[in-house]
């Protein structure tokens, strides 16, 4: 139960929140999704492949389109594309007036590559956010608030 104890860490809170998630579709859809800034969108964050190639994202290891350099030659032109593409992706989403831009920042590079054949296209998850994520989050918060209210009433009745 979410309110029966005092929390000592963020982990304790998240573990209890996970107990509240009874929507398996949310958990299935969240598997392998990128929320917020992924490492590919952060300067000086990269993955070294087994052959010494550098990639902006672990999901792109082995794909020549995702290669941003190698350990002997350094970074190539794609490195700058990765760093600055977030701006282009976000602008496209803002032009569509998408309210979920702060969550996805234009979407995952790998998903864009799989869906559109272009790493730098947007990978839109708007239907996921609006049809699954928001209703499920609202349901979780409603249950948490209800438990807090019940707990508060019990505490007040003891006084």
Protein backbone atom coordinates (compact mmCIF):
# COMPACT_ATOMS: atom_id res chain seq x y z
CA UNK A 1 0.00 0.00 0.00
CA UNK A 2 1.38 3.36 -1.00
CA UNK A 3 0.76 5.29 2.21
CA UNK A 4 1.41 2.76 4.94
CA UNK A 5 5.06 3.59 5.38
CA UNK A 6 7.54 6.42 5.41
CA UNK A 7 9.75 6.35 2.37
CA UNK A 8 13.50 6.32 2.64
CA UNK A 9 14.34 6.59 -1.04
CA UNK A 10 12.89 7.30 -4.46
CA UNK A 11 13.25 3.58 -5.16
CA UNK A 12 10.72 2.81 -2.40
CA UNK A 13 8.20 5.19 -3.93
CA UNK A 14 8.66 3.81 -7.46
CA UNK A 15 8.37 0.22 -6.26
CA UNK A 16 5.03 1.03 -4.64
CA UNK A 17 3.88 2.91 -7.75
CA UNK A 18 4.70 -0.15 -9.84
CA UNK A 19 2.37 -2.13 -7.61
CA UNK A 20 -0.38 0.32 -8.60
CA UNK A 21 0.10 -0.22 -12.34
CA UNK A 22 -2.44 -2.81 -13.34
CA UNK A 23 -2.49 -1.87 -17.01
CA UNK A 24 -0.25 -4.41 -18.76
CA UNK A 25 -0.61 -2.59 -22.07
CA UNK A 26 1.25 0.40 -20.60
CA UNK A 27 4.14 -1.76 -19.47
CA UNK A 28 4.28 -3.61 -22.79
CA UNK A 29 4.22 -0.39 -24.79
CA UNK A 30 6.86 1.23 -22.54
CA UNK A 31 9.28 -1.60 -23.22
CA UNK A 32 12.14 -0.18 -25.32
CA UNK A 33 10.58 3.27 -25.66
CA UNK A 34 12.68 6.37 -25.19
CA UNK A 35 11.27 9.10 -22.97
CA UNK A 36 12.90 12.49 -22.78
CA UNK A 37 16.50 13.00 -23.75
CA UNK A 38 18.12 9.75 -24.82
CA UNK A 39 21.89 9.42 -24.83
CA UNK A 40 22.01 9.90 -28.61
CA UNK A 41 20.83 13.47 -28.01
CA UNK A 42 23.47 14.27 -25.42
CA UNK A 43 26.92 15.59 -26.34
CA UNK A 44 29.83 13.29 -25.54
CA UNK A 45 27.61 10.27 -25.09
CA UNK A 46 28.30 7.46 -27.51
CA UNK A 47 28.67 3.70 -27.80
CA UNK A 48 31.77 1.92 -29.06
CA UNK A 49 30.92 -1.01 -31.31
CA UNK A 50 32.94 -4.25 -31.38
CA UNK A 51 34.90 -3.06 -34.43
CA UNK A 52 35.78 0.32 -32.86
CA UNK A 53 33.00 2.22 -34.59
CA UNK A 54 31.28 4.96 -32.60
CA UNK A 55 27.48 5.19 -32.48
CA UNK A 56 25.10 7.73 -31.01
CA UNK A 57 22.72 5.02 -29.82
CA UNK A 58 23.10 1.42 -28.69
CA UNK A 59 20.18 0.37 -30.92
CA UNK A 60 22.09 1.59 -33.98
CA UNK A 61 25.24 -0.46 -33.40
CA UNK A 62 26.01 -2.24 -36.66
CA UNK A 63 23.97 0.14 -38.83
CA UNK A 64 26.24 2.28 -41.04
CA UNK A 65 23.61 5.06 -40.92
CA UNK A 66 24.05 5.29 -37.16
CA UNK A 67 27.84 5.42 -37.19
CA UNK A 68 29.20 8.75 -35.93
CA UNK A 69 32.90 7.90 -36.23
CA UNK A 70 35.46 5.40 -35.02
CA UNK A 71 38.06 5.24 -32.29
CA UNK A 72 40.98 5.80 -34.69
CA UNK A 73 39.62 8.61 -36.88
CA UNK A 74 37.35 10.30 -34.32
CA UNK A 75 33.92 11.69 -35.06
CA UNK A 76 32.49 12.14 -38.54
CA UNK A 77 29.86 14.53 -39.93
CA UNK A 78 27.01 12.46 -38.45
CA UNK A 79 28.09 13.35 -34.90
CA UNK A 80 27.01 16.97 -35.37
CA UNK A 81 23.83 15.79 -37.10
CA UNK A 82 22.92 13.75 -34.04
CA UNK A 83 23.60 16.65 -31.68
CA UNK A 84 21.65 19.24 -33.64
CA UNK A 85 18.89 17.07 -35.08
CA UNK A 86 16.96 17.32 -31.83
CA UNK A 87 16.25 20.94 -32.73
CA UNK A 88 14.84 19.97 -36.14
CA UNK A 89 12.81 17.11 -34.65
CA UNK A 90 11.37 19.33 -31.92
CA UNK A 91 10.53 22.13 -34.35
CA UNK A 92 8.61 19.67 -36.55
CA UNK A 93 6.67 18.44 -33.51
CA UNK A 94 5.97 21.97 -32.32
CA UNK A 95 4.69 22.90 -35.79
CA UNK A 96 2.16 20.07 -35.38
CA UNK A 97 1.29 21.55 -31.97
CA UNK A 98 2.02 18.26 -30.24
CA UNK A 99 1.62 18.60 -26.46
CA UNK A 100 3.99 15.69 -25.78
CA UNK A 101 7.18 17.27 -27.16
CA UNK A 102 8.78 17.60 -23.69
CA UNK A 103 8.39 13.85 -23.21
CA UNK A 104 9.63 12.56 -26.55
CA UNK A 105 11.75 15.43 -27.94
CA UNK A 106 11.02 14.25 -31.46
CA UNK A 107 11.27 10.55 -30.77
CA UNK A 108 13.85 7.83 -30.94
CA UNK A 109 16.49 7.76 -33.68
CA UNK A 110 16.20 3.99 -34.04
CA UNK A 111 12.40 4.06 -34.27
CA UNK A 112 12.65 6.81 -36.90
CA UNK A 113 15.09 4.70 -38.89
CA UNK A 114 12.87 1.62 -38.72
CA UNK A 115 9.66 3.53 -39.49
CA UNK A 116 10.84 6.11 -42.03
CA UNK A 117 14.28 4.93 -43.13
CA UNK A 118 15.75 8.20 -41.85
CA UNK A 119 17.32 8.61 -38.42
CA UNK A 120 16.50 12.29 -38.36
CA UNK A 121 12.78 12.07 -38.99
CA UNK A 122 10.40 12.33 -36.08
CA UNK A 123 9.19 9.09 -34.54
CA UNK A 124 5.78 10.07 -33.27
CA UNK A 125 4.36 8.41 -30.17
CA UNK A 126 1.43 10.80 -29.80
CA UNK A 127 -1.19 8.04 -30.04
CA UNK A 128 0.62 6.06 -27.32
CA UNK A 129 0.75 9.09 -25.02
CA UNK A 130 -2.85 10.12 -25.57
CA UNK A 131 -4.52 6.69 -25.72
CA UNK A 132 -2.47 4.67 -23.22
CA UNK A 133 0.01 6.74 -21.20
CA UNK A 134 -2.26 9.60 -20.06
CA UNK A 135 -5.30 7.48 -19.12
CA UNK A 136 -3.12 4.99 -17.26
CA UNK A 137 -1.20 7.72 -15.41
CA UNK A 138 -4.49 9.39 -14.47
CA UNK A 139 -5.79 6.07 -13.14
CA UNK A 140 -2.64 5.53 -11.07
CA UNK A 141 -2.79 9.05 -9.61
CA UNK A 142 -6.49 8.69 -8.81
CA UNK A 143 -5.78 5.49 -6.85
CA UNK A 144 -2.82 7.06 -5.06
CA UNK A 145 -4.91 10.11 -4.09
CA UNK A 146 -7.74 7.86 -2.96
CA UNK A 147 -5.35 5.89 -0.72
CA UNK A 148 -3.90 9.11 0.66
CA UNK A 149 -7.41 10.39 1.41
CA UNK A 150 -8.42 7.15 3.15
CA UNK A 151 -5.21 7.16 5.15
CA UNK A 152 -5.73 10.80 6.11
CA UNK A 153 -9.30 10.07 7.25
CA UNK A 154 -8.07 7.16 9.38
CA UNK A 155 -5.35 9.31 10.95
CA UNK A 156 -7.86 12.09 11.72
CA UNK A 157 -10.30 9.66 13.33
CA UNK A 158 -7.61 8.52 15.79
CA UNK A 159 -7.17 12.03 17.16
